[in-house]
Amino acid sequence: MKLLIIFFLAIATLQIEASKNCRTSVIALKDPHCGVLPTCYFNGANKHAVENESCRRGENGQTGFYSIRKGKCPTDKPACSDRL
């Protein structure tokens, strides 16, 4: 019985930790997407890469992307700066 309780606590702890952090890797699929902010764009290799960058920006106190669009970003704004 104690082993079962420890098992469930371990699973719950792992799920909580996983939900707090952004992914450390993304799928290596080439399908360009663009992360959009009012002042800059972020070109990502795919939607997952842009979502992950948006998550990391949020963890660093920056604004996450307002929208993610399929295709390369326009050139009327600069690229978003690197993470803090």
PDB file of N, CA and C in Angstrom:
ATOM      1  N   MET A   1       0.823  -1.196   0.000  1.00  0.00           N
ATOM      2  CA  MET A   1       0.000   0.000   0.000  1.00  0.00           C
ATOM      3  C   MET A   1       0.869   1.263   0.000  1.00  0.00           C
ATOM      4  N   LYS A   2       1.935   1.251   0.821  1.00  0.00           N
ATOM      5  CA  LYS A   2       2.822   2.412   0.869  1.00  0.00           C
ATOM      6  C   LYS A   2       3.489   2.636  -0.484  1.00  0.00           C
ATOM      7  N   LEU A   3       3.864   1.552  -1.139  1.00  0.00           N
ATOM      8  CA  LEU A   3       4.495   1.661  -2.443  1.00  0.00           C
ATOM      9  C   LEU A   3       3.544   2.298  -3.460  1.00  0.00           C
ATOM     10  N   LEU A   4       2.285   1.954  -3.397  1.00  0.00           N
ATOM     11  CA  LEU A   4       1.287   2.513  -4.298  1.00  0.00           C
ATOM     12  C   LEU A   4       1.125   4.022  -4.061  1.00  0.00           C
ATOM     13  N   ILE A   5       1.106   4.435  -2.817  1.00  0.00           N
ATOM     14  CA  ILE A   5       0.997   5.858  -2.483  1.00  0.00           C
ATOM     15  C   ILE A   5       2.225   6.616  -2.981  1.00  0.00           C
ATOM     16  N   ILE A   6       3.401   6.061  -2.775  1.00  0.00           N
ATOM     17  CA  ILE A   6       4.633   6.695  -3.235  1.00  0.00           C
ATOM     18  C   ILE A   6       4.623   6.818  -4.758  1.00  0.00           C
ATOM     19  N   PHE A   7       4.153   5.783  -5.439  1.00  0.00           N
ATOM     20  CA  PHE A   7       4.066   5.803  -6.899  1.00  0.00           C
ATOM     21  C   PHE A   7       3.170   6.952  -7.370  1.00  0.00           C
ATOM     22  N   PHE A   8       1.979   7.095  -6.798  1.00  0.00           N
ATOM     23  CA  PHE A   8       1.059   8.154  -7.192  1.00  0.00           C
ATOM     24  C   PHE A   8       1.615   9.541  -6.869  1.00  0.00           C
ATOM     25  N   LEU A   9       2.299   9.685  -5.759  1.00  0.00           N
ATOM     26  CA  LEU A   9       2.920  10.964  -5.425  1.00  0.00           C
ATOM     27  C   LEU A   9       4.020  11.314  -6.424  1.00  0.00           C
ATOM     28  N   ALA A  10       4.794  10.327  -6.830  1.00  0.00           N
ATOM     29  CA  ALA A  10       5.856  10.563  -7.803  1.00  0.00           C
ATOM     30  C   ALA A  10       5.269  11.001  -9.148  1.00  0.00           C
ATOM     31  N   ILE A  11       4.223  10.344  -9.590  1.00  0.00           N
ATOM     32  CA  ILE A  11       3.567  10.697 -10.849  1.00  0.00           C
ATOM     33  C   ILE A  11       2.995  12.112 -10.764  1.00  0.00           C
ATOM     34  N   ALA A  12       2.340  12.444  -9.679  1.00  0.00           N
ATOM     35  CA  ALA A  12       1.767  13.784  -9.511  1.00  0.00           C
ATOM     36  C   ALA A  12       2.848  14.845  -9.522  1.00  0.00           C
ATOM     37  N   THR A  13       3.966  14.576  -8.869  1.00  0.00           N
ATOM     38  CA  THR A  13       5.076  15.524  -8.835  1.00  0.00           C
ATOM     39  C   THR A  13       5.649  15.739 -10.226  1.00  0.00           C
ATOM     40  N   LEU A  14       5.832  14.682 -10.975  1.00  0.00           N
ATOM     41  CA  LEU A  14       6.359  14.800 -12.337  1.00  0.00           C
ATOM     42  C   LEU A  14       5.417  15.592 -13.238  1.00  0.00           C
ATOM     43  N   GLN A  15       4.129  15.400 -13.094  1.00  0.00           N
ATOM     44  CA  GLN A  15       3.163  16.127 -13.909  1.00  0.00           C
ATOM     45  C   GLN A  15       3.165  17.609 -13.569  1.00  0.00           C
ATOM     46  N   ILE A  16       3.283  17.949 -12.305  1.00  0.00           N
ATOM     47  CA  ILE A  16       3.329  19.350 -11.897  1.00  0.00           C
ATOM     48  C   ILE A  16       4.584  20.010 -12.447  1.00  0.00           C
ATOM     49  N   GLU A  17       5.731  19.348 -12.323  1.00  0.00           N
ATOM     50  CA  GLU A  17       6.983  19.902 -12.822  1.00  0.00           C
ATOM     51  C   GLU A  17       6.936  20.060 -14.342  1.00  0.00           C
ATOM     52  N   ALA A  18       6.374  19.096 -15.031  1.00  0.00           N
ATOM     53  CA  ALA A  18       6.303  19.153 -16.491  1.00  0.00           C
ATOM     54  C   ALA A  18       5.408  20.295 -16.948  1.00  0.00           C
ATOM     55  N   SER A  19       4.346  20.589 -16.206  1.00  0.00           N
ATOM     56  CA  SER A  19       3.443  21.646 -16.625  1.00  0.00           C
ATOM     57  C   SER A  19       4.016  23.036 -16.374  1.00  0.00           C
ATOM     58  N   LYS A  20       5.037  23.165 -15.521  1.00  0.00           N
ATOM     59  CA  LYS A  20       5.630  24.464 -15.225  1.00  0.00           C
ATOM     60  C   LYS A  20       6.668  24.880 -16.259  1.00  0.00           C
ATOM     61  N   ASN A  21       7.255  23.936 -16.948  1.00  0.00           N
ATOM     62  CA  ASN A  21       8.372  24.239 -17.836  1.00  0.00           C
ATOM     63  C   ASN A  21       7.995  24.076 -19.294  1.00  0.00           C
ATOM     64  N   CYS A  22       8.690  24.852 -20.128  1.00  0.00           N
ATOM     65  CA  CYS A  22       8.533  24.717 -21.571  1.00  0.00           C
ATOM     66  C   CYS A  22       9.321  23.497 -22.029  1.00  0.00           C
ATOM     67  N   ARG A  23       9.036  23.044 -23.212  1.00  0.00           N
ATOM     68  CA  ARG A  23       9.766  21.898 -23.767  1.00  0.00           C
ATOM     69  C   ARG A  23      11.231  22.254 -23.956  1.00  0.00           C
ATOM     70  N   THR A  24      12.075  21.254 -23.838  1.00  0.00           N
ATOM     71  CA  THR A  24      13.496  21.479 -24.099  1.00  0.00           C
ATOM     72  C   THR A  24      13.848  21.106 -25.528  1.00  0.00           C
ATOM     73  N   SER A  25      12.974  20.375 -26.192  1.00  0.00           N
ATOM     74  CA  SER A  25      13.201  20.038 -27.591  1.00  0.00           C
ATOM     75  C   SER A  25      11.864  20.075 -28.326  1.00  0.00           C
ATOM     76  N   VAL A  26      11.945  20.235 -29.624  1.00  0.00           N
ATOM     77  CA  VAL A  26      10.736  20.270 -30.441  1.00  0.00           C
ATOM     78  C   VAL A  26      10.902  19.342 -31.633  1.00  0.00           C
ATOM     79  N   ILE A  27       9.815  19.045 -32.278  1.00  0.00           N
ATOM     80  CA  ILE A  27       9.815  18.186 -33.452  1.00  0.00           C
ATOM     81  C   ILE A  27      10.614  18.867 -34.565  1.00  0.00           C
ATOM     82  N   ALA A  28      11.436  18.113 -35.270  1.00  0.00           N
ATOM     83  CA  ALA A  28      12.305  18.669 -36.311  1.00  0.00           C
ATOM     84  C   ALA A  28      11.621  18.690 -37.682  1.00  0.00           C
ATOM     85  N   LEU A  29      10.385  19.081 -37.722  1.00  0.00           N
ATOM     86  CA  LEU A  29       9.609  19.166 -38.954  1.00  0.00           C
ATOM     87  C   LEU A  29       9.793  20.550 -39.571  1.00  0.00           C
ATOM     88  N   LYS A  30      10.100  20.619 -40.850  1.00  0.00           N
ATOM     89  CA  LYS A  30      10.263  21.920 -41.509  1.00  0.00           C
ATOM     90  C   LYS A  30       8.924  22.343 -42.095  1.00  0.00           C
ATOM     91  N   ASP A  31       8.296  23.280 -41.417  1.00  0.00           N
ATOM     92  CA  ASP A  31       7.008  23.841 -41.809  1.00  0.00           C
ATOM     93  C   ASP A  31       6.961  25.252 -41.222  1.00  0.00           C
ATOM     94  N   PRO A  32       7.603  26.240 -41.865  1.00  0.00           N
ATOM     95  CA  PRO A  32       7.780  27.565 -41.275  1.00  0.00           C
ATOM     96  C   PRO A  32       6.503  28.188 -40.718  1.00  0.00           C
ATOM     97  N   HIS A  33       6.650  28.776 -39.536  1.00  0.00           N
ATOM     98  CA  HIS A  33       5.578  29.523 -38.883  1.00  0.00           C
ATOM     99  C   HIS A  33       6.171  30.802 -38.311  1.00  0.00           C
ATOM    100  N   CYS A  34       5.323  31.776 -38.069  1.00  0.00           N
ATOM    101  CA  CYS A  34       5.750  33.089 -37.610  1.00  0.00           C
ATOM    102  C   CYS A  34       5.048  33.446 -36.304  1.00  0.00           C
ATOM    103  N   GLY A  35       5.834  33.814 -35.297  1.00  0.00           N
ATOM    104  CA  GLY A  35       5.291  34.327 -34.038  1.00  0.00           C
ATOM    105  C   GLY A  35       5.180  35.841 -34.141  1.00  0.00           C
ATOM    106  N   VAL A  36       4.028  36.390 -33.779  1.00  0.00           N
ATOM    107  CA  VAL A  36       3.751  37.806 -34.000  1.00  0.00           C
ATOM    108  C   VAL A  36       3.608  38.568 -32.693  1.00  0.00           C
ATOM    109  N   LEU A  37       4.333  39.679 -32.597  1.00  0.00           N
ATOM    110  CA  LEU A  37       4.179  40.678 -31.534  1.00  0.00           C
ATOM    111  C   LEU A  37       3.999  42.035 -32.207  1.00  0.00           C
ATOM    112  N   PRO A  38       3.500  43.043 -31.503  1.00  0.00           N
ATOM    113  CA  PRO A  38       3.295  44.347 -32.135  1.00  0.00           C
ATOM    114  C   PRO A  38       4.574  44.970 -32.712  1.00  0.00           C
ATOM    115  N   THR A  39       5.722  44.678 -32.102  1.00  0.00           N
ATOM    116  CA  THR A  39       6.957  45.340 -32.527  1.00  0.00           C
ATOM    117  C   THR A  39       7.957  44.430 -33.232  1.00  0.00           C
ATOM    118  N   CYS A  40       7.691  43.125 -33.278  1.00  0.00           N
ATOM    119  CA  CYS A  40       8.666  42.212 -33.882  1.00  0.00           C
ATOM    120  C   CYS A  40       8.008  40.895 -34.287  1.00  0.00           C
ATOM    121  N   TYR A  41       8.789  40.098 -35.035  1.00  0.00           N
ATOM    122  CA  TYR A  41       8.368  38.767 -35.472  1.00  0.00           C
ATOM    123  C   TYR A  41       9.413  37.741 -35.056  1.00  0.00           C
ATOM    124  N   PHE A  42       8.997  36.472 -34.979  1.00  0.00           N
ATOM    125  CA  PHE A  42       9.925  35.376 -34.730  1.00  0.00           C
ATOM    126  C   PHE A  42       9.679  34.301 -35.772  1.00  0.00           C
ATOM    127  N   ASN A  43      10.670  34.004 -36.601  1.00  0.00           N
ATOM    128  CA  ASN A  43      10.582  32.927 -37.583  1.00  0.00           C
ATOM    129  C   ASN A  43      10.960  31.612 -36.921  1.00  0.00           C
ATOM    130  N   GLY A  44      10.058  30.648 -36.977  1.00  0.00           N
ATOM    131  CA  GLY A  44      10.323  29.332 -36.413  1.00  0.00           C
ATOM    132  C   GLY A  44      10.301  28.265 -37.488  1.00  0.00           C
ATOM    133  N   ALA A  45      11.020  27.182 -37.259  1.00  0.00           N
ATOM    134  CA  ALA A  45      11.060  26.085 -38.223  1.00  0.00           C
ATOM    135  C   ALA A  45       9.692  25.433 -38.385  1.00  0.00           C
ATOM    136  N   ASN A  46       8.890  25.463 -37.316  1.00  0.00           N
ATOM    137  CA  ASN A  46       7.543  24.901 -37.361  1.00  0.00           C
ATOM    138  C   ASN A  46       6.703  25.497 -36.231  1.00  0.00           C
ATOM    139  N   LYS A  47       5.438  25.146 -36.192  1.00  0.00           N
ATOM    140  CA  LYS A  47       4.524  25.703 -35.183  1.00  0.00           C
ATOM    141  C   LYS A  47       4.990  25.362 -33.775  1.00  0.00           C
ATOM    142  N   HIS A  48       5.500  24.150 -33.564  1.00  0.00           N
ATOM    143  CA  HIS A  48       5.943  23.735 -32.235  1.00  0.00           C
ATOM    144  C   HIS A  48       7.119  24.580 -31.756  1.00  0.00           C
ATOM    145  N   ALA A  49       8.031  24.919 -32.657  1.00  0.00           N
ATOM    146  CA  ALA A  49       9.187  25.749 -32.296  1.00  0.00           C
ATOM    147  C   ALA A  49       8.732  27.145 -31.872  1.00  0.00           C
ATOM    148  N   VAL A  50       7.750  27.703 -32.581  1.00  0.00           N
ATOM    149  CA  VAL A  50       7.251  29.039 -32.240  1.00  0.00           C
ATOM    150  C   VAL A  50       6.488  28.997 -30.914  1.00  0.00           C
ATOM    151  N   GLU A  51       5.670  27.964 -30.705  1.00  0.00           N
ATOM    152  CA  GLU A  51       4.956  27.823 -29.428  1.00  0.00           C
ATOM    153  C   GLU A  51       5.937  27.699 -28.278  1.00  0.00           C
ATOM    154  N   ASN A  52       7.008  26.934 -28.473  1.00  0.00           N
ATOM    155  CA  ASN A  52       8.017  26.748 -27.432  1.00  0.00           C
ATOM    156  C   ASN A  52       8.729  28.068 -27.138  1.00  0.00           C
ATOM    157  N   GLU A  53       9.063  28.827 -28.163  1.00  0.00           N
ATOM    158  CA  GLU A  53       9.716  30.127 -27.961  1.00  0.00           C
ATOM    159  C   GLU A  53       8.781  31.087 -27.229  1.00  0.00           C
ATOM    160  N   SER A  54       7.511  31.052 -27.561  1.00  0.00           N
ATOM    161  CA  SER A  54       6.532  31.890 -26.873  1.00  0.00           C
ATOM    162  C   SER A  54       6.469  31.525 -25.389  1.00  0.00           C
ATOM    163  N   CYS A  55       6.488  30.237 -25.096  1.00  0.00           N
ATOM    164  CA  CYS A  55       6.489  29.757 -23.712  1.00  0.00           C
ATOM    165  C   CYS A  55       7.736  30.239 -22.974  1.00  0.00           C
ATOM    166  N   ARG A  56       8.890  30.103 -23.611  1.00  0.00           N
ATOM    167  CA  ARG A  56      10.148  30.533 -22.985  1.00  0.00           C
ATOM    168  C   ARG A  56      10.160  32.033 -22.729  1.00  0.00           C
ATOM    169  N   ARG A  57       9.608  32.788 -23.684  1.00  0.00           N
ATOM    170  CA  ARG A  57       9.521  34.239 -23.468  1.00  0.00           C
ATOM    171  C   ARG A  57       8.682  34.524 -22.234  1.00  0.00           C
ATOM    172  N   GLY A  58       7.574  33.820 -22.083  1.00  0.00           N
ATOM    173  CA  GLY A  58       6.724  34.005 -20.905  1.00  0.00           C
ATOM    174  C   GLY A  58       7.443  33.662 -19.609  1.00  0.00           C
ATOM    175  N   GLU A  59       8.211  32.581 -19.620  1.00  0.00           N
ATOM    176  CA  GLU A  59       8.971  32.198 -18.431  1.00  0.00           C
ATOM    177  C   GLU A  59      10.020  33.244 -18.072  1.00  0.00           C
ATOM    178  N   ASN A  60      10.515  33.980 -19.071  1.00  0.00           N
ATOM    179  CA  ASN A  60      11.544  34.993 -18.853  1.00  0.00           C
ATOM    180  C   ASN A  60      10.963  36.380 -18.597  1.00  0.00           C
ATOM    181  N   GLY A  61       9.654  36.466 -18.436  1.00  0.00           N
ATOM    182  CA  GLY A  61       9.028  37.746 -18.139  1.00  0.00           C
ATOM    183  C   GLY A  61       8.732  38.598 -19.359  1.00  0.00           C
ATOM    184  N   GLN A  62       8.948  38.048 -20.538  1.00  0.00           N
ATOM    185  CA  GLN A  62       8.625  38.759 -21.769  1.00  0.00           C
ATOM    186  C   GLN A  62       7.219  38.363 -22.216  1.00  0.00           C
ATOM    187  N   THR A  63       6.680  39.104 -23.149  1.00  0.00           N
ATOM    188  CA  THR A  63       5.362  38.799 -23.690  1.00  0.00           C
ATOM    189  C   THR A  63       5.459  37.642 -24.667  1.00  0.00           C
ATOM    190  N   GLY A  64       4.551  36.674 -24.527  1.00  0.00           N
ATOM    191  CA  GLY A  64       4.465  35.593 -25.508  1.00  0.00           C
ATOM    192  C   GLY A  64       3.835  36.125 -26.784  1.00  0.00           C
ATOM    193  N   PHE A  65       3.946  35.380 -27.856  1.00  0.00           N
ATOM    194  CA  PHE A  65       3.425  35.837 -29.142  1.00  0.00           C
ATOM    195  C   PHE A  65       1.904  35.946 -29.107  1.00  0.00           C
ATOM    196  N   TYR A  66       1.385  37.010 -29.727  1.00  0.00           N
ATOM    197  CA  TYR A  66      -0.059  37.236 -29.777  1.00  0.00           C
ATOM    198  C   TYR A  66      -0.735  36.258 -30.726  1.00  0.00           C
ATOM    199  N   SER A  67      -0.036  35.941 -31.804  1.00  0.00           N
ATOM    200  CA  SER A  67      -0.584  34.961 -32.746  1.00  0.00           C
ATOM    201  C   SER A  67       0.566  34.227 -33.422  1.00  0.00           C
ATOM    202  N   ILE A  68       0.234  33.080 -33.959  1.00  0.00           N
ATOM    203  CA  ILE A  68       1.188  32.273 -34.711  1.00  0.00           C
ATOM    204  C   ILE A  68       0.567  32.013 -36.072  1.00  0.00           C
ATOM    205  N   ARG A  69       1.322  32.381 -37.105  1.00  0.00           N
ATOM    206  CA  ARG A  69       0.817  32.255 -38.476  1.00  0.00           C
ATOM    207  C   ARG A  69       1.680  31.281 -39.270  1.00  0.00           C
ATOM    208  N   LYS A  70       1.039  30.557 -40.151  1.00  0.00           N
ATOM    209  CA  LYS A  70       1.764  29.638 -41.034  1.00  0.00           C
ATOM    210  C   LYS A  70       2.536  30.449 -42.070  1.00  0.00           C
ATOM    211  N   GLY A  71       3.769  30.039 -42.338  1.00  0.00           N
ATOM    212  CA  GLY A  71       4.601  30.700 -43.331  1.00  0.00           C
ATOM    213  C   GLY A  71       5.672  31.566 -42.684  1.00  0.00           C
ATOM    214  N   LYS A  72       6.554  32.093 -43.525  1.00  0.00           N
ATOM    215  CA  LYS A  72       7.613  32.970 -43.024  1.00  0.00           C
ATOM    216  C   LYS A  72       7.033  34.326 -42.654  1.00  0.00           C
ATOM    217  N   CYS A  73       7.733  35.001 -41.747  1.00  0.00           N
ATOM    218  CA  CYS A  73       7.293  36.313 -41.282  1.00  0.00           C
ATOM    219  C   CYS A  73       7.533  37.382 -42.345  1.00  0.00           C
ATOM    220  N   PRO A  74       6.688  38.412 -42.359  1.00  0.00           N
ATOM    221  CA  PRO A  74       6.950  39.560 -43.219  1.00  0.00           C
ATOM    222  C   PRO A  74       8.230  40.270 -42.763  1.00  0.00           C
ATOM    223  N   THR A  75       8.691  41.200 -43.519  1.00  0.00           N
ATOM    224  CA  THR A  75       9.940  41.895 -43.179  1.00  0.00           C
ATOM    225  C   THR A  75       9.712  43.348 -42.755  1.00  0.00           C
ATOM    226  N   ASP A  76       8.465  43.723 -42.461  1.00  0.00           N
ATOM    227  CA  ASP A  76       8.193  45.115 -42.090  1.00  0.00           C
ATOM    228  C   ASP A  76       8.535  45.423 -40.622  1.00  0.00           C
ATOM    229  N   LYS A  77       8.867  44.409 -39.825  1.00  0.00           N
ATOM    230  CA  LYS A  77       9.290  44.575 -38.434  1.00  0.00           C
ATOM    231  C   LYS A  77      10.568  43.789 -38.221  1.00  0.00           C
ATOM    232  N   PRO A  78      11.340  44.173 -37.211  1.00  0.00           N
ATOM    233  CA  PRO A  78      12.570  43.419 -36.923  1.00  0.00           C
ATOM    234  C   PRO A  78      12.268  42.065 -36.274  1.00  0.00           C
ATOM    235  N   ALA A  79      13.267  41.230 -36.236  1.00  0.00           N
ATOM    236  CA  ALA A  79      13.159  39.945 -35.526  1.00  0.00           C
ATOM    237  C   ALA A  79      13.111  40.229 -34.020  1.00  0.00           C
ATOM    238  N   CYS A  80      12.353  39.434 -33.288  1.00  0.00           N
ATOM    239  CA  CYS A  80      12.294  39.581 -31.835  1.00  0.00           C
ATOM    240  C   CYS A  80      13.665  39.249 -31.235  1.00  0.00           C
ATOM    241  N   SER A  81      14.038  39.990 -30.216  1.00  0.00           N
ATOM    242  CA  SER A  81      15.342  39.753 -29.577  1.00  0.00           C
ATOM    243  C   SER A  81      15.353  38.397 -28.907  1.00  0.00           C
ATOM    244  N   ASP A  82      16.554  37.895 -28.652  1.00  0.00           N
ATOM    245  CA  ASP A  82      16.713  36.619 -27.977  1.00  0.00           C
ATOM    246  C   ASP A  82      16.164  36.693 -26.570  1.00  0.00           C
ATOM    247  N   ARG A  83      16.003  35.536 -25.978  1.00  0.00           N
ATOM    248  CA  ARG A  83      15.500  35.446 -24.616  1.00  0.00           C
ATOM    249  C   ARG A  83      16.386  36.242 -23.662  1.00  0.00           C
ATOM    250  N   LEU A  84      15.797  36.626 -22.528  1.00  0.00           N
ATOM    251  CA  LEU A  84      16.529  37.361 -21.490  1.00  0.00           C
ATOM    252  C   LEU A  84      17.681  36.571 -20.960  1.00  0.00           C
TER     253      LEU A  84
END
